[in-house]
């Protein structure tokens, strides 16, 4: 592999990252380790064994970190945290000192997250389709490409697709000191999802 190196004073690293979506112990747990890294699963982040580095060096300098598209796989969102068909692609995984996790989440019509909160809040950015989101006690809002939503730290909320539309959004959030990025609650009911405003386009 050819390394890409910046001139001094910058020292950057290049390594191939590979997230292992295979089951770990429990056959039903496939993809959950990766989902933890994305901030989509409760509990501590389990990073060991999930990354493979190329270890390239050029003239004593390490190369820039690049994650190749071919090195990651799409994970299905587990039914404990989602209703309907949801698929997640990793964009960024927490790697100290950064706590940032990011993912591109794809929701089939009517699919959605369960109610959940983030210790440092969450930002979602809609890239295609028509989605819905709601914070506890507020109205269901329609969101479209280019819309950006910020959920406050500790704010109970959900997001997903409109009844008859797909939606894809980028989700960004930080993990707390224990490595936990999210706390999951109850599933969003059909009645709650049905409170959405009419979707005309």
Protein backbone atom coordinates (compact mmCIF):
# COMPACT_ATOMS: atom_id res chain seq x y z
CA UNK A 1 0.00 0.00 0.00
CA UNK A 2 1.29 3.46 -0.85
CA UNK A 3 1.25 5.85 2.09
CA UNK A 4 0.09 9.45 1.83
CA UNK A 5 2.24 11.69 4.00
CA UNK A 6 1.98 15.40 4.76
CA UNK A 7 5.10 17.55 5.18
CA UNK A 8 6.31 18.51 8.64
CA UNK A 9 5.22 19.67 11.15
CA UNK A 10 2.21 17.37 10.64
CA UNK A 11 2.46 13.72 11.70
CA UNK A 12 -0.50 11.71 10.52
CA UNK A 13 -1.19 8.01 10.30
CA UNK A 14 -2.58 5.78 7.58
CA UNK A 15 -4.17 2.49 8.53
CA UNK A 16 -6.81 0.27 7.06
CA UNK A 17 -9.76 -0.08 9.44
CA UNK A 18 -11.98 -3.14 9.41
CA UNK A 19 -15.05 -3.51 11.61
CA UNK A 20 -15.88 -7.12 12.39
CA UNK A 21 -19.66 -7.62 12.19
CA UNK A 22 -19.49 -11.35 12.91
CA UNK A 23 -21.30 -12.68 16.00
CA UNK A 24 -19.30 -12.66 19.21
CA UNK A 25 -20.37 -15.50 21.47
CA UNK A 26 -24.11 -15.16 21.02
CA UNK A 27 -25.14 -16.07 17.43
CA UNK A 28 -27.90 -13.47 17.64
CA UNK A 29 -25.43 -10.68 18.43
CA UNK A 30 -23.94 -10.18 14.95
CA UNK A 31 -23.29 -6.52 14.29
CA UNK A 32 -23.83 -5.38 17.88
CA UNK A 33 -20.14 -4.77 18.57
CA UNK A 34 -20.01 -2.46 15.55
CA UNK A 35 -23.29 -0.80 16.57
CA UNK A 36 -21.78 -0.01 19.96
CA UNK A 37 -19.04 1.91 18.18
CA UNK A 38 -21.66 3.85 16.26
CA UNK A 39 -23.50 4.97 19.35
CA UNK A 40 -26.45 2.75 18.49
CA UNK A 41 -26.09 0.25 21.30
CA UNK A 42 -26.04 0.64 25.05
CA UNK A 43 -23.02 -0.38 27.09
CA UNK A 44 -19.31 0.10 26.82
CA UNK A 45 -17.57 0.44 23.49
CA UNK A 46 -15.70 -2.75 22.62
CA UNK A 47 -12.88 -1.65 20.33
CA UNK A 48 -10.25 -4.40 20.80
CA UNK A 49 -9.99 -6.68 17.83
CA UNK A 50 -12.11 -4.51 15.57
CA UNK A 51 -9.31 -2.69 13.76
CA UNK A 52 -6.56 -3.86 11.45
CA UNK A 53 -3.61 -1.49 10.83
CA UNK A 54 -1.28 -1.47 7.85
CA UNK A 55 1.68 -0.15 9.85
CA UNK A 56 3.24 1.77 6.94
CA UNK A 57 5.96 4.29 7.62
CA UNK A 58 7.77 6.65 5.24
CA UNK A 59 11.07 8.25 6.30
CA UNK A 60 10.25 7.68 9.96
CA UNK A 61 6.80 9.27 9.67
CA UNK A 62 3.57 7.32 9.90
CA UNK A 63 1.00 7.68 7.16
CA UNK A 64 -2.50 9.19 7.20
CA UNK A 65 -5.38 7.06 8.50
CA UNK A 66 -7.72 6.03 5.68
CA UNK A 67 -10.70 3.69 5.94
CA UNK A 68 -11.38 2.07 2.59
CA UNK A 69 -15.00 1.61 1.56
CA UNK A 70 -14.31 -2.05 0.80
CA UNK A 71 -13.18 -2.71 4.39
CA UNK A 72 -16.57 -2.16 6.06
CA UNK A 73 -19.92 -3.92 5.86
CA UNK A 74 -23.51 -2.80 6.35
CA UNK A 75 -25.06 -3.94 9.64
CA UNK A 76 -28.77 -4.61 10.23
CA UNK A 77 -30.25 -2.63 13.12
CA UNK A 78 -31.25 -5.07 15.90
CA UNK A 79 -34.94 -5.38 16.77
CA UNK A 80 -34.24 -4.45 20.41
CA UNK A 81 -33.53 -0.88 19.31
CA UNK A 82 -35.41 -0.51 16.01
CA UNK A 83 -38.85 -1.18 14.54
CA UNK A 84 -38.81 -2.24 10.88
CA UNK A 85 -35.89 -2.64 8.48
CA UNK A 86 -32.92 -0.43 9.35
CA UNK A 87 -29.36 -0.71 8.02
CA UNK A 88 -26.28 1.08 9.31
CA UNK A 89 -22.96 1.96 7.65
CA UNK A 90 -20.05 3.04 9.87
CA UNK A 91 -18.60 6.48 9.15
CA UNK A 92 -16.51 7.07 12.29
CA UNK A 93 -15.84 5.03 15.42
CA UNK A 94 -14.63 6.47 18.75
CA UNK A 95 -10.86 6.20 19.01
CA UNK A 96 -9.19 8.05 21.88
CA UNK A 97 -8.91 10.84 22.54
CA UNK A 98 -11.89 11.43 20.22
CA UNK A 99 -15.28 10.23 21.45
CA UNK A 100 -17.09 10.87 18.17
CA UNK A 101 -19.12 8.15 16.52
CA UNK A 102 -20.95 8.62 13.23
CA UNK A 103 -23.05 6.42 10.97
CA UNK A 104 -25.21 6.56 7.90
CA UNK A 105 -28.55 4.99 8.85
CA UNK A 106 -31.01 3.77 6.20
CA UNK A 107 -34.67 3.32 7.20
CA UNK A 108 -37.36 1.52 5.15
CA UNK A 109 -40.84 3.11 5.15
CA UNK A 110 -42.24 3.33 8.73
CA UNK A 111 -38.99 2.00 10.25
CA UNK A 112 -37.74 3.94 13.26
CA UNK A 113 -35.58 3.88 16.36
CA UNK A 114 -36.89 3.20 19.85
CA UNK A 115 -36.99 6.11 22.29
CA UNK A 116 -33.42 6.87 23.37
CA UNK A 117 -31.12 9.50 24.89
CA UNK A 118 -27.47 10.51 24.45
CA UNK A 119 -25.24 11.85 27.26
CA UNK A 120 -23.81 14.61 25.03
CA UNK A 121 -26.70 14.94 22.57
CA UNK A 122 -27.00 13.78 18.97
CA UNK A 123 -27.05 15.48 15.57
CA UNK A 124 -28.70 13.88 12.55
CA UNK A 125 -28.39 15.21 8.99
CA UNK A 126 -30.86 13.98 6.38
CA UNK A 127 -29.29 13.03 3.03
CA UNK A 128 -32.27 11.52 1.16
CA UNK A 129 -35.93 10.60 1.50
CA UNK A 130 -38.44 11.86 4.05
CA UNK A 131 -38.04 11.16 7.75
CA UNK A 132 -39.73 11.84 11.05
CA UNK A 133 -38.42 12.81 14.45
CA UNK A 134 -39.89 13.64 17.83
CA UNK A 135 -38.66 14.64 21.25
CA UNK A 136 -40.62 13.62 24.32
CA UNK A 137 -43.61 15.91 24.79
CA UNK A 138 -43.22 17.56 21.38
CA UNK A 139 -44.91 17.08 18.00
CA UNK A 140 -43.75 14.62 15.34
CA UNK A 141 -41.77 16.63 12.78
CA UNK A 142 -41.12 15.79 9.11
CA UNK A 143 -37.49 16.12 7.99
CA UNK A 144 -36.07 16.19 4.46
CA UNK A 145 -32.67 16.27 2.70
CA UNK A 146 -30.51 19.08 4.02
CA UNK A 147 -32.39 19.28 7.34
CA UNK A 148 -30.24 19.02 10.46
CA UNK A 149 -31.68 18.07 13.87
CA UNK A 150 -29.92 18.40 17.24
CA UNK A 151 -31.26 16.47 20.21
CA UNK A 152 -30.13 17.93 23.54
CA UNK A 153 -28.07 15.86 26.02
CA UNK A 154 -30.41 13.56 27.90
CA UNK A 155 -33.37 14.46 25.66
CA UNK A 156 -35.64 11.46 25.05
CA UNK A 157 -36.34 11.21 21.31
CA UNK A 158 -36.78 8.97 18.27
CA UNK A 159 -36.29 9.29 14.52
CA UNK A 160 -36.99 7.23 11.43
CA UNK A 161 -38.82 7.09 8.10
CA UNK A 162 -42.23 8.41 7.11
CA UNK A 163 -45.01 5.87 6.53
CA UNK A 164 -44.58 5.69 2.75
CA UNK A 165 -40.99 6.93 2.28
CA UNK A 166 -37.44 5.71 2.79
CA UNK A 167 -35.00 8.00 4.61
CA UNK A 168 -31.24 8.07 5.08
CA UNK A 169 -29.50 10.29 7.59
CA UNK A 170 -26.07 10.69 9.10
CA UNK A 171 -26.07 10.38 12.90
CA UNK A 172 -23.28 11.88 15.03
CA UNK A 173 -22.79 11.56 18.79
CA UNK A 174 -20.14 11.24 21.51
CA UNK A 175 -19.64 8.49 24.09
CA UNK A 176 -19.39 9.29 27.81
CA UNK A 177 -16.50 8.46 30.17
CA UNK A 178 -17.67 4.84 30.50
CA UNK A 179 -17.72 4.45 26.71
CA UNK A 180 -21.51 4.35 26.55
CA UNK A 181 -22.94 6.53 23.77
CA UNK A 182 -26.69 5.86 24.23
CA UNK A 183 -29.45 4.67 26.59
CA UNK A 184 -32.37 2.85 24.95
CA UNK A 185 -36.00 3.01 26.06
CA UNK A 186 -39.35 1.69 24.87
CA UNK A 187 -40.26 1.09 21.24
CA UNK A 188 -42.17 3.82 19.42
CA UNK A 189 -45.72 2.56 18.95
CA UNK A 190 -47.65 2.62 15.68
CA UNK A 191 -49.96 5.19 17.29
CA UNK A 192 -47.03 7.49 18.13
CA UNK A 193 -45.57 7.10 14.64
CA UNK A 194 -49.04 7.72 13.16
CA UNK A 195 -49.16 11.20 14.71
CA UNK A 196 -46.88 12.41 11.90
CA UNK A 197 -48.11 15.26 9.70
CA UNK A 198 -49.20 14.44 6.12
CA UNK A 199 -46.25 13.90 3.77
CA UNK A 200 -46.98 15.50 0.41
CA UNK A 201 -43.62 14.99 -1.30
